[in-house]
């Protein structure tokens, strides 16, 4: 049977960055894998960010752009059937940060998927610097997507962070959130991997690949389609190199733009080359990619489309720029 891993986490937690590292580990072991980006969003920029994984032993697929949950479920199932017939060693699924965990479990109990797949590990990526004033919706997503995981993986740990303090802060948010959805599960330090990702070893990744999952029930407080207002898309822009990173930093630092967790996307530089971008407060990363699309995805809470749009319009030079 093919192992299927699920990497969950709320919007902006760092799932794609983690998946890139995890998939490279699986490939280094000689595994034949497929990565399935399962996204409700209008633009699946994560697929652009994962292009470097493409090789003979790695196939990239996506389910994207369908806001009807029933249609989305059908597309997800169709992709799992297509991949299941190809007999991969491992399938790694990264859903949107807004995801109903029952969709994953229910599909894998259906024929013929129940004969082709076995659940490997469910891994939940959590930001080491979660805001204290999380909205009820964000707290619900954090709890519901962590409830069944085999291991929590802390993201964005800096060299000067105290891992024990970061874990304690997370537990102070997560366990009360689990109580509010009547989940009997409670997390401890032992269930959390708290390391700077640059220092992760093969032993760490092996542990994660064998982390498994746990069954945990909880009460659903929100419908998935009611939680999709925490993302805005800015597309078809052209911003000069000298303005690109400064404007991103200005948006991140301006409270009038909202509580921004992350800005990610891709852009074309003055010389025509494509670059991927991943930005959080205090850290902005770019790297070349072979192909791209002019899109920025801003993820957060209480976002102001108008405020962010004003910043980008002041430096944009493209006539067909659009934001949604």
C-alpha atoms as a PDB file:
ATOM      1  CA  UNK A   1       0.000   0.000   0.000  1.00  0.00           C
ATOM      2  CA  UNK A   2       1.022   3.593  -0.549  1.00  0.00           C
ATOM      3  CA  UNK A   3       1.672   5.666   2.549  1.00  0.00           C
ATOM      4  CA  UNK A   4      -0.104   8.995   2.570  1.00  0.00           C
ATOM      5  CA  UNK A   5       1.106  11.820   4.800  1.00  0.00           C
ATOM      6  CA  UNK A   6      -0.881  14.957   5.606  1.00  0.00           C
ATOM      7  CA  UNK A   7       0.823  18.238   6.515  1.00  0.00           C
ATOM      8  CA  UNK A   8      -1.637  20.584   8.209  1.00  0.00           C
ATOM      9  CA  UNK A   9      -1.370  23.997   9.824  1.00  0.00           C
ATOM     10  CA  UNK A  10      -3.180  27.310   9.833  1.00  0.00           C
ATOM     11  CA  UNK A  11      -2.652  29.903   7.124  1.00  0.00           C
ATOM     12  CA  UNK A  12       0.898  31.203   7.086  1.00  0.00           C
ATOM     13  CA  UNK A  13       2.307  28.580   9.454  1.00  0.00           C
ATOM     14  CA  UNK A  14       5.027  27.505   7.005  1.00  0.00           C
ATOM     15  CA  UNK A  15       3.621  24.236   5.652  1.00  0.00           C
ATOM     16  CA  UNK A  16       5.070  24.605   2.166  1.00  0.00           C
ATOM     17  CA  UNK A  17       8.552  25.435   3.459  1.00  0.00           C
ATOM     18  CA  UNK A  18       8.430  22.380   5.704  1.00  0.00           C
ATOM     19  CA  UNK A  19       7.042  20.159   2.942  1.00  0.00           C
ATOM     20  CA  UNK A  20       9.953  21.113   0.702  1.00  0.00           C
ATOM     21  CA  UNK A  21      12.444  19.882   3.301  1.00  0.00           C
ATOM     22  CA  UNK A  22      10.447  16.766   4.169  1.00  0.00           C
ATOM     23  CA  UNK A  23       9.997  15.785   0.521  1.00  0.00           C
ATOM     24  CA  UNK A  24      13.726  16.199  -0.131  1.00  0.00           C
ATOM     25  CA  UNK A  25      14.415  13.816   2.747  1.00  0.00           C
ATOM     26  CA  UNK A  26      12.013  11.229   1.282  1.00  0.00           C
ATOM     27  CA  UNK A  27      13.675  11.551  -2.121  1.00  0.00           C
ATOM     28  CA  UNK A  28      17.127  11.153  -0.554  1.00  0.00           C
ATOM     29  CA  UNK A  29      15.967   7.749   0.724  1.00  0.00           C
ATOM     30  CA  UNK A  30      15.157   6.670  -2.825  1.00  0.00           C
ATOM     31  CA  UNK A  31      11.393   6.887  -2.363  1.00  0.00           C
ATOM     32  CA  UNK A  32       9.151   7.560  -5.335  1.00  0.00           C
ATOM     33  CA  UNK A  33       6.769  10.249  -4.146  1.00  0.00           C
ATOM     34  CA  UNK A  34       3.983  12.553  -5.260  1.00  0.00           C
ATOM     35  CA  UNK A  35       3.066  15.883  -3.698  1.00  0.00           C
ATOM     36  CA  UNK A  36      -0.598  16.872  -3.807  1.00  0.00           C
ATOM     37  CA  UNK A  37      -1.416  20.504  -3.119  1.00  0.00           C
ATOM     38  CA  UNK A  38      -5.042  20.503  -2.005  1.00  0.00           C
ATOM     39  CA  UNK A  39      -6.072  24.160  -1.964  1.00  0.00           C
ATOM     40  CA  UNK A  40      -9.393  26.019  -1.866  1.00  0.00           C
ATOM     41  CA  UNK A  41      -7.682  29.208  -3.034  1.00  0.00           C
ATOM     42  CA  UNK A  42      -8.082  31.096  -6.275  1.00  0.00           C
ATOM     43  CA  UNK A  43      -4.359  30.776  -7.045  1.00  0.00           C
ATOM     44  CA  UNK A  44      -2.167  27.910  -5.885  1.00  0.00           C
ATOM     45  CA  UNK A  45       1.163  29.703  -5.622  1.00  0.00           C
ATOM     46  CA  UNK A  46       2.564  26.894  -3.476  1.00  0.00           C
ATOM     47  CA  UNK A  47       2.862  24.741  -6.582  1.00  0.00           C
ATOM     48  CA  UNK A  48       5.150  27.368  -8.087  1.00  0.00           C
ATOM     49  CA  UNK A  49       7.270  27.336  -4.933  1.00  0.00           C
ATOM     50  CA  UNK A  50       7.724  23.555  -5.098  1.00  0.00           C
ATOM     51  CA  UNK A  51       8.969  23.339  -8.685  1.00  0.00           C
ATOM     52  CA  UNK A  52      12.507  22.459  -7.549  1.00  0.00           C
ATOM     53  CA  UNK A  53      11.207  19.088  -6.344  1.00  0.00           C
ATOM     54  CA  UNK A  54      10.351  17.998  -9.879  1.00  0.00           C
ATOM     55  CA  UNK A  55      12.404  14.982 -10.891  1.00  0.00           C
ATOM     56  CA  UNK A  56      11.990  11.411 -12.075  1.00  0.00           C
ATOM     57  CA  UNK A  57      10.957  10.298  -8.581  1.00  0.00           C
ATOM     58  CA  UNK A  58       8.687  13.222  -7.693  1.00  0.00           C
ATOM     59  CA  UNK A  59       5.377  14.178  -9.284  1.00  0.00           C
ATOM     60  CA  UNK A  60       3.551  17.421  -8.417  1.00  0.00           C
ATOM     61  CA  UNK A  61      -0.234  17.628  -8.603  1.00  0.00           C
ATOM     62  CA  UNK A  62      -2.839  20.087  -7.423  1.00  0.00           C
ATOM     63  CA  UNK A  63      -6.507  20.431  -6.536  1.00  0.00           C
ATOM     64  CA  UNK A  64      -7.295  24.143  -6.605  1.00  0.00           C
ATOM     65  CA  UNK A  65      -9.720  26.907  -7.373  1.00  0.00           C
ATOM     66  CA  UNK A  66     -13.012  25.315  -6.332  1.00  0.00           C
ATOM     67  CA  UNK A  67     -14.920  27.129  -3.583  1.00  0.00           C
ATOM     68  CA  UNK A  68     -17.784  24.603  -3.533  1.00  0.00           C
ATOM     69  CA  UNK A  69     -16.819  22.048  -0.843  1.00  0.00           C
ATOM     70  CA  UNK A  70     -18.624  19.206  -2.627  1.00  0.00           C
ATOM     71  CA  UNK A  71     -16.914  19.950  -5.941  1.00  0.00           C
ATOM     72  CA  UNK A  72     -13.587  20.281  -4.140  1.00  0.00           C
ATOM     73  CA  UNK A  73     -14.075  16.893  -2.458  1.00  0.00           C
ATOM     74  CA  UNK A  74     -14.785  15.251  -5.827  1.00  0.00           C
ATOM     75  CA  UNK A  75     -11.636  16.734  -7.344  1.00  0.00           C
ATOM     76  CA  UNK A  76      -9.577  15.664  -4.339  1.00  0.00           C
ATOM     77  CA  UNK A  77     -10.917  12.107  -4.624  1.00  0.00           C
ATOM     78  CA  UNK A  78     -10.259  11.996  -8.374  1.00  0.00           C
ATOM     79  CA  UNK A  79      -6.635  13.030  -7.847  1.00  0.00           C
ATOM     80  CA  UNK A  80      -6.140  10.432  -5.109  1.00  0.00           C
ATOM     81  CA  UNK A  81      -7.520   7.725  -7.410  1.00  0.00           C
ATOM     82  CA  UNK A  82      -5.216   8.803 -10.250  1.00  0.00           C
ATOM     83  CA  UNK A  83      -2.183   8.812  -7.947  1.00  0.00           C
ATOM     84  CA  UNK A  84      -3.185   5.565  -6.268  1.00  0.00           C
ATOM     85  CA  UNK A  85      -3.064   3.712  -9.586  1.00  0.00           C
ATOM     86  CA  UNK A  86       0.566   4.768 -10.057  1.00  0.00           C
ATOM     87  CA  UNK A  87       1.847   2.931  -6.969  1.00  0.00           C
ATOM     88  CA  UNK A  88       4.004   5.619  -5.383  1.00  0.00           C
ATOM     89  CA  UNK A  89       5.882   4.833  -2.204  1.00  0.00           C
ATOM     90  CA  UNK A  90       4.495   7.925  -0.538  1.00  0.00           C
ATOM     91  CA  UNK A  91       1.969  10.682  -1.229  1.00  0.00           C
ATOM     92  CA  UNK A  92       2.393  13.954   0.683  1.00  0.00           C
ATOM     93  CA  UNK A  93      -0.751  16.073   0.875  1.00  0.00           C
ATOM     94  CA  UNK A  94      -0.652  19.752   1.812  1.00  0.00           C
ATOM     95  CA  UNK A  95      -4.135  21.220   2.192  1.00  0.00           C
ATOM     96  CA  UNK A  96      -5.080  24.845   2.500  1.00  0.00           C
ATOM     97  CA  UNK A  97      -4.714  26.385   5.941  1.00  0.00           C
ATOM     98  CA  UNK A  98      -8.510  26.238   6.019  1.00  0.00           C
ATOM     99  CA  UNK A  99      -9.296  22.529   5.935  1.00  0.00           C
ATOM    100  CA  UNK A 100     -11.906  20.131   7.301  1.00  0.00           C
ATOM    101  CA  UNK A 101      -9.959  17.113   8.562  1.00  0.00           C
ATOM    102  CA  UNK A 102     -12.964  14.842   8.033  1.00  0.00           C
ATOM    103  CA  UNK A 103     -12.540  15.274   4.273  1.00  0.00           C
ATOM    104  CA  UNK A 104      -9.185  13.500   4.474  1.00  0.00           C
ATOM    105  CA  UNK A 105     -10.339  10.620   6.675  1.00  0.00           C
ATOM    106  CA  UNK A 106     -13.698  10.082   4.953  1.00  0.00           C
ATOM    107  CA  UNK A 107     -12.113   9.804   1.504  1.00  0.00           C
ATOM    108  CA  UNK A 108      -9.520   7.275   2.629  1.00  0.00           C
ATOM    109  CA  UNK A 109     -12.255   5.042   4.049  1.00  0.00           C
ATOM    110  CA  UNK A 110     -13.970   4.906   0.642  1.00  0.00           C
ATOM    111  CA  UNK A 111     -13.366   2.205  -1.963  1.00  0.00           C
ATOM    112  CA  UNK A 112     -10.998   1.876  -3.800  1.00  0.00           C
ATOM    113  CA  UNK A 113      -8.841   4.314  -1.785  1.00  0.00           C
ATOM    114  CA  UNK A 114      -9.108   2.184   1.363  1.00  0.00           C
ATOM    115  CA  UNK A 115      -7.349  -0.654  -0.495  1.00  0.00           C
ATOM    116  CA  UNK A 116      -4.558   1.504  -1.938  1.00  0.00           C
ATOM    117  CA  UNK A 117      -3.573   3.854   0.884  1.00  0.00           C
ATOM    118  CA  UNK A 118      -2.521   3.653   4.500  1.00  0.00           C
ATOM    119  CA  UNK A 119      -2.148   6.805   6.578  1.00  0.00           C
ATOM    120  CA  UNK A 120       1.502   7.396   7.379  1.00  0.00           C
ATOM    121  CA  UNK A 121       2.013  10.570   9.412  1.00  0.00           C
ATOM    122  CA  UNK A 122      -0.172  13.562  10.094  1.00  0.00           C
ATOM    123  CA  UNK A 123       2.141  16.481  10.897  1.00  0.00           C
ATOM    124  CA  UNK A 124       0.904  19.878  12.038  1.00  0.00           C
ATOM    125  CA  UNK A 125       3.104  22.931  11.512  1.00  0.00           C
ATOM    126  CA  UNK A 126       2.669  25.663  14.137  1.00  0.00           C
ATOM    127  CA  UNK A 127       4.187  29.139  14.170  1.00  0.00           C
ATOM    128  CA  UNK A 128       6.515  29.582  17.151  1.00  0.00           C
ATOM    129  CA  UNK A 129       5.417  33.220  17.317  1.00  0.00           C
ATOM    130  CA  UNK A 130       1.630  32.925  17.318  1.00  0.00           C
ATOM    131  CA  UNK A 131      -0.085  36.117  18.366  1.00  0.00           C
ATOM    132  CA  UNK A 132      -1.618  36.171  21.821  1.00  0.00           C
ATOM    133  CA  UNK A 133      -4.870  37.684  20.521  1.00  0.00           C
ATOM    134  CA  UNK A 134      -5.878  34.957  18.076  1.00  0.00           C
ATOM    135  CA  UNK A 135      -9.407  35.217  16.738  1.00  0.00           C
ATOM    136  CA  UNK A 136     -11.894  32.485  17.656  1.00  0.00           C
ATOM    137  CA  UNK A 137     -11.753  31.264  14.056  1.00  0.00           C
ATOM    138  CA  UNK A 138      -7.946  30.969  14.070  1.00  0.00           C
ATOM    139  CA  UNK A 139      -7.977  29.197  17.441  1.00  0.00           C
ATOM    140  CA  UNK A 140     -10.549  26.757  16.066  1.00  0.00           C
ATOM    141  CA  UNK A 141      -8.447  26.016  12.981  1.00  0.00           C
ATOM    142  CA  UNK A 142      -5.321  25.552  15.091  1.00  0.00           C
ATOM    143  CA  UNK A 143      -7.061  23.054  17.356  1.00  0.00           C
ATOM    144  CA  UNK A 144      -9.014  21.134  14.709  1.00  0.00           C
ATOM    145  CA  UNK A 145      -5.999  20.686  12.418  1.00  0.00           C
ATOM    146  CA  UNK A 146      -3.732  19.596  15.283  1.00  0.00           C
ATOM    147  CA  UNK A 147      -6.192  17.269  17.015  1.00  0.00           C
ATOM    148  CA  UNK A 148      -5.239  14.111  15.106  1.00  0.00           C
ATOM    149  CA  UNK A 149      -1.588  14.762  14.357  1.00  0.00           C
ATOM    150  CA  UNK A 150       1.258  12.440  15.281  1.00  0.00           C
ATOM    151  CA  UNK A 151       3.665  15.330  15.820  1.00  0.00           C
ATOM    152  CA  UNK A 152       3.557  19.105  16.057  1.00  0.00           C
ATOM    153  CA  UNK A 153       6.417  20.869  14.269  1.00  0.00           C
ATOM    154  CA  UNK A 154       7.300  24.380  15.401  1.00  0.00           C
ATOM    155  CA  UNK A 155       8.155  26.772  12.573  1.00  0.00           C
ATOM    156  CA  UNK A 156      10.065  30.070  12.433  1.00  0.00           C
ATOM    157  CA  UNK A 157      12.266  29.328  15.437  1.00  0.00           C
ATOM    158  CA  UNK A 158      15.145  31.800  15.361  1.00  0.00           C
ATOM    159  CA  UNK A 159      18.612  31.111  16.725  1.00  0.00           C
ATOM    160  CA  UNK A 160      17.980  33.439  19.659  1.00  0.00           C
ATOM    161  CA  UNK A 161      14.634  31.852  20.577  1.00  0.00           C
ATOM    162  CA  UNK A 162      14.281  29.638  23.649  1.00  0.00           C
ATOM    163  CA  UNK A 163      12.671  26.425  22.299  1.00  0.00           C
ATOM    164  CA  UNK A 164      11.231  25.457  25.696  1.00  0.00           C
ATOM    165  CA  UNK A 165       9.620  28.869  26.082  1.00  0.00           C
ATOM    166  CA  UNK A 166       8.210  28.668  22.546  1.00  0.00           C
ATOM    167  CA  UNK A 167       6.711  25.244  23.257  1.00  0.00           C
ATOM    168  CA  UNK A 168       5.195  26.463  26.531  1.00  0.00           C
ATOM    169  CA  UNK A 169       3.654  29.466  24.768  1.00  0.00           C
ATOM    170  CA  UNK A 170       2.150  27.219  22.090  1.00  0.00           C
ATOM    171  CA  UNK A 171       0.701  24.816  24.663  1.00  0.00           C
ATOM    172  CA  UNK A 172      -0.882  27.762  26.491  1.00  0.00           C
ATOM    173  CA  UNK A 173      -2.795  28.561  23.285  1.00  0.00           C
ATOM    174  CA  UNK A 174      -3.399  25.100  21.827  1.00  0.00           C
ATOM    175  CA  UNK A 175      -4.688  23.129  24.809  1.00  0.00           C
ATOM    176  CA  UNK A 176      -7.362  25.704  25.761  1.00  0.00           C
ATOM    177  CA  UNK A 177      -8.382  25.837  22.093  1.00  0.00           C
ATOM    178  CA  UNK A 178      -8.805  22.043  22.121  1.00  0.00           C
ATOM    179  CA  UNK A 179     -11.004  22.328  25.208  1.00  0.00           C
ATOM    180  CA  UNK A 180     -13.299  24.808  23.455  1.00  0.00           C
ATOM    181  CA  UNK A 181     -14.048  22.261  20.722  1.00  0.00           C
ATOM    182  CA  UNK A 182     -14.564  19.490  23.321  1.00  0.00           C
ATOM    183  CA  UNK A 183     -11.550  17.504  22.229  1.00  0.00           C
ATOM    184  CA  UNK A 184     -10.226  15.207  24.940  1.00  0.00           C
ATOM    185  CA  UNK A 185      -6.674  15.354  23.600  1.00  0.00           C
ATOM    186  CA  UNK A 186      -4.063  17.493  25.353  1.00  0.00           C
ATOM    187  CA  UNK A 187      -0.532  18.103  24.080  1.00  0.00           C
ATOM    188  CA  UNK A 188       2.728  18.038  26.017  1.00  0.00           C
ATOM    189  CA  UNK A 189       6.350  18.986  25.258  1.00  0.00           C
ATOM    190  CA  UNK A 190       7.076  15.417  24.111  1.00  0.00           C
ATOM    191  CA  UNK A 191       4.672  15.738  21.177  1.00  0.00           C
ATOM    192  CA  UNK A 192       6.336  18.832  19.730  1.00  0.00           C
ATOM    193  CA  UNK A 193       9.493  19.092  17.619  1.00  0.00           C
ATOM    194  CA  UNK A 194      11.075  22.437  18.457  1.00  0.00           C
ATOM    195  CA  UNK A 195      14.241  23.004  16.440  1.00  0.00           C
ATOM    196  CA  UNK A 196      15.490  25.564  13.964  1.00  0.00           C
ATOM    197  CA  UNK A 197      14.739  23.881  10.634  1.00  0.00           C
ATOM    198  CA  UNK A 198      18.284  24.462   9.400  1.00  0.00           C
ATOM    199  CA  UNK A 199      19.442  22.038  12.099  1.00  0.00           C
ATOM    200  CA  UNK A 200      16.973  19.221  11.336  1.00  0.00           C
ATOM    201  CA  UNK A 201      18.749  15.898  10.777  1.00  0.00           C
ATOM    202  CA  UNK A 202      17.864  12.733   8.904  1.00  0.00           C
ATOM    203  CA  UNK A 203      16.983  11.221  12.285  1.00  0.00           C
ATOM    204  CA  UNK A 204      14.480  14.026  12.871  1.00  0.00           C
ATOM    205  CA  UNK A 205      12.846  13.461   9.496  1.00  0.00           C
ATOM    206  CA  UNK A 206      12.767   9.696  10.041  1.00  0.00           C
ATOM    207  CA  UNK A 207      10.996  10.279  13.353  1.00  0.00           C
ATOM    208  CA  UNK A 208       8.455  12.502  11.607  1.00  0.00           C
ATOM    209  CA  UNK A 209       7.911   9.974   8.811  1.00  0.00           C
ATOM    210  CA  UNK A 210       7.085   7.409  11.509  1.00  0.00           C
ATOM    211  CA  UNK A 211       5.087   9.740  13.783  1.00  0.00           C
ATOM    212  CA  UNK A 212       1.725   8.296  12.756  1.00  0.00           C
ATOM    213  CA  UNK A 213      -1.499   9.916  13.884  1.00  0.00           C
ATOM    214  CA  UNK A 214      -4.152   9.705  16.600  1.00  0.00           C
ATOM    215  CA  UNK A 215      -7.907   9.516  16.452  1.00  0.00           C
ATOM    216  CA  UNK A 216      -9.516  12.473  18.196  1.00  0.00           C
ATOM    217  CA  UNK A 217     -13.075  13.747  17.883  1.00  0.00           C
ATOM    218  CA  UNK A 218     -14.126  17.366  18.285  1.00  0.00           C
ATOM    219  CA  UNK A 219     -17.075  19.673  17.745  1.00  0.00           C
ATOM    220  CA  UNK A 220     -17.110  21.666  14.511  1.00  0.00           C
ATOM    221  CA  UNK A 221     -17.748  25.311  15.346  1.00  0.00           C
ATOM    222  CA  UNK A 222     -17.477  26.718  11.814  1.00  0.00           C
ATOM    223  CA  UNK A 223     -18.159  25.675   8.239  1.00  0.00           C
ATOM    224  CA  UNK A 224     -15.067  25.606   6.045  1.00  0.00           C
ATOM    225  CA  UNK A 225     -16.536  27.979   3.464  1.00  0.00           C
ATOM    226  CA  UNK A 226     -17.251  30.545   6.213  1.00  0.00           C
ATOM    227  CA  UNK A 227     -13.545  30.816   7.094  1.00  0.00           C
ATOM    228  CA  UNK A 228     -12.109  31.865   3.739  1.00  0.00           C
ATOM    229  CA  UNK A 229     -11.891  35.635   4.241  1.00  0.00           C
ATOM    230  CA  UNK A 230      -8.333  35.648   5.631  1.00  0.00           C
ATOM    231  CA  UNK A 231      -6.520  35.684   2.273  1.00  0.00           C
ATOM    232  CA  UNK A 232      -6.178  38.340  -0.429  1.00  0.00           C
ATOM    233  CA  UNK A 233      -4.566  37.926  -3.869  1.00  0.00           C
ATOM    234  CA  UNK A 234      -2.652  40.615  -5.794  1.00  0.00           C
ATOM    235  CA  UNK A 235      -1.902  39.622  -9.378  1.00  0.00           C
ATOM    236  CA  UNK A 236      -0.475  40.782 -12.723  1.00  0.00           C
ATOM    237  CA  UNK A 237       1.706  43.428 -11.113  1.00  0.00           C
ATOM    238  CA  UNK A 238       5.121  44.642 -12.219  1.00  0.00           C
ATOM    239  CA  UNK A 239       7.237  46.257  -9.518  1.00  0.00           C
ATOM    240  CA  UNK A 240      10.811  47.512 -10.092  1.00  0.00           C
ATOM    241  CA  UNK A 241      13.556  45.650  -8.242  1.00  0.00           C
ATOM    242  CA  UNK A 242      14.420  48.692  -6.136  1.00  0.00           C
ATOM    243  CA  UNK A 243      10.842  48.839  -4.789  1.00  0.00           C
ATOM    244  CA  UNK A 244       9.875  45.168  -4.463  1.00  0.00           C
ATOM    245  CA  UNK A 245      11.237  44.213  -1.054  1.00  0.00           C
ATOM    246  CA  UNK A 246      10.834  47.673   0.545  1.00  0.00           C
ATOM    247  CA  UNK A 247       7.112  47.751  -0.253  1.00  0.00           C
ATOM    248  CA  UNK A 248       6.655  44.238   1.182  1.00  0.00           C
ATOM    249  CA  UNK A 249       8.355  45.333   4.407  1.00  0.00           C
ATOM    250  CA  UNK A 250       6.186  48.457   4.611  1.00  0.00           C
ATOM    251  CA  UNK A 251       3.016  46.388   4.260  1.00  0.00           C
ATOM    252  CA  UNK A 252       4.148  43.947   6.940  1.00  0.00           C
ATOM    253  CA  UNK A 253       4.942  46.714   9.408  1.00  0.00           C
ATOM    254  CA  UNK A 254       1.784  48.798   8.932  1.00  0.00           C
ATOM    255  CA  UNK A 255      -1.018  47.842  11.386  1.00  0.00           C
ATOM    256  CA  UNK A 256      -3.600  49.434   9.088  1.00  0.00           C
ATOM    257  CA  UNK A 257      -3.046  46.531   6.665  1.00  0.00           C
ATOM    258  CA  UNK A 258      -4.249  44.065   9.315  1.00  0.00           C
ATOM    259  CA  UNK A 259      -2.604  41.288  11.306  1.00  0.00           C
ATOM    260  CA  UNK A 260      -0.472  39.797   8.546  1.00  0.00           C
ATOM    261  CA  UNK A 261       0.933  36.331   9.186  1.00  0.00           C
ATOM    262  CA  UNK A 262       2.737  35.896   5.882  1.00  0.00           C
ATOM    263  CA  UNK A 263       3.127  37.222   2.348  1.00  0.00           C
ATOM    264  CA  UNK A 264       4.124  34.682  -0.275  1.00  0.00           C
ATOM    265  CA  UNK A 265       4.191  34.548  -4.033  1.00  0.00           C
ATOM    266  CA  UNK A 266       6.388  35.062  -7.052  1.00  0.00           C
ATOM    267  CA  UNK A 267       7.496  38.053  -9.090  1.00  0.00           C
ATOM    268  CA  UNK A 268       9.535  38.946 -12.160  1.00  0.00           C
ATOM    269  CA  UNK A 269      12.665  41.034 -11.715  1.00  0.00           C
ATOM    270  CA  UNK A 270      13.859  43.793 -14.042  1.00  0.00           C
ATOM    271  CA  UNK A 271      15.952  41.306 -16.063  1.00  0.00           C
ATOM    272  CA  UNK A 272      12.939  39.027 -16.687  1.00  0.00           C
ATOM    273  CA  UNK A 273      13.950  36.290 -14.210  1.00  0.00           C
ATOM    274  CA  UNK A 274      11.374  34.803 -11.855  1.00  0.00           C
ATOM    275  CA  UNK A 275      11.753  34.674  -8.091  1.00  0.00           C
ATOM    276  CA  UNK A 276       9.707  33.205  -5.268  1.00  0.00           C
ATOM    277  CA  UNK A 277       9.028  35.289  -2.168  1.00  0.00           C
ATOM    278  CA  UNK A 278       8.248  34.288   1.399  1.00  0.00           C
ATOM    279  CA  UNK A 279       7.943  37.076   3.965  1.00  0.00           C
ATOM    280  CA  UNK A 280       6.998  37.395   7.625  1.00  0.00           C
ATOM    281  CA  UNK A 281       7.682  40.210  10.052  1.00  0.00           C
ATOM    282  CA  UNK A 282      11.437  40.551  10.448  1.00  0.00           C
ATOM    283  CA  UNK A 283      12.334  38.142   7.656  1.00  0.00           C
ATOM    284  CA  UNK A 284      11.962  38.285   3.870  1.00  0.00           C
ATOM    285  CA  UNK A 285      13.329  35.502   1.679  1.00  0.00           C
ATOM    286  CA  UNK A 286      13.590  35.359  -2.109  1.00  0.00           C
ATOM    287  CA  UNK A 287      15.068  32.725  -4.395  1.00  0.00           C
ATOM    288  CA  UNK A 288      15.174  32.116  -8.166  1.00  0.00           C
ATOM    289  CA  UNK A 289      12.605  29.767  -9.717  1.00  0.00           C
ATOM    290  CA  UNK A 290      12.513  28.505 -13.320  1.00  0.00           C
ATOM    291  CA  UNK A 291       9.009  29.815 -13.954  1.00  0.00           C
ATOM    292  CA  UNK A 292       6.463  31.900 -12.123  1.00  0.00           C
ATOM    293  CA  UNK A 293       3.376  34.044 -12.054  1.00  0.00           C
ATOM    294  CA  UNK A 294       3.082  37.627 -10.838  1.00  0.00           C
ATOM    295  CA  UNK A 295       1.076  36.999  -7.684  1.00  0.00           C
ATOM    296  CA  UNK A 296       1.295  37.903  -4.023  1.00  0.00           C
ATOM    297  CA  UNK A 297      -0.863  36.154  -1.437  1.00  0.00           C
ATOM    298  CA  UNK A 298      -1.352  38.025   1.825  1.00  0.00           C
ATOM    299  CA  UNK A 299      -2.448  35.818   4.729  1.00  0.00           C
ATOM    300  CA  UNK A 300      -3.667  37.041   8.095  1.00  0.00           C
ATOM    301  CA  UNK A 301      -6.588  38.314  10.143  1.00  0.00           C
ATOM    302  CA  UNK A 302      -8.706  41.454   9.792  1.00  0.00           C
ATOM    303  CA  UNK A 303      -6.851  42.232   6.568  1.00  0.00           C
ATOM    304  CA  UNK A 304      -7.507  45.510   4.774  1.00  0.00           C
ATOM    305  CA  UNK A 305      -7.538  44.912   1.033  1.00  0.00           C
ATOM    306  CA  UNK A 306      -7.694  48.664   0.440  1.00  0.00           C
ATOM    307  CA  UNK A 307      -4.658  49.489   2.597  1.00  0.00           C
ATOM    308  CA  UNK A 308      -2.475  46.783   1.048  1.00  0.00           C
ATOM    309  CA  UNK A 309      -3.659  47.716  -2.440  1.00  0.00           C
ATOM    310  CA  UNK A 310      -2.662  51.374  -1.908  1.00  0.00           C
ATOM    311  CA  UNK A 311       0.918  50.348  -1.120  1.00  0.00           C
ATOM    312  CA  UNK A 312       1.222  48.147  -4.210  1.00  0.00           C
ATOM    313  CA  UNK A 313      -0.423  50.611  -6.594  1.00  0.00           C
ATOM    314  CA  UNK A 314       2.146  53.277  -5.731  1.00  0.00           C
ATOM    315  CA  UNK A 315       4.975  51.112  -7.153  1.00  0.00           C
ATOM    316  CA  UNK A 316       3.157  48.973  -9.734  1.00  0.00           C
ATOM    317  CA  UNK A 317       3.848  49.680 -13.417  1.00  0.00           C
ATOM    318  CA  UNK A 318       1.574  47.075 -15.048  1.00  0.00           C
ATOM    319  CA  UNK A 319      -1.711  48.118 -16.646  1.00  0.00           C
ATOM    320  CA  UNK A 320      -3.595  44.885 -15.888  1.00  0.00           C
ATOM    321  CA  UNK A 321      -2.861  44.706 -12.153  1.00  0.00           C
ATOM    322  CA  UNK A 322      -5.776  43.268 -10.160  1.00  0.00           C
ATOM    323  CA  UNK A 323      -6.504  42.414  -6.532  1.00  0.00           C
ATOM    324  CA  UNK A 324      -9.191  40.191  -4.989  1.00  0.00           C
END
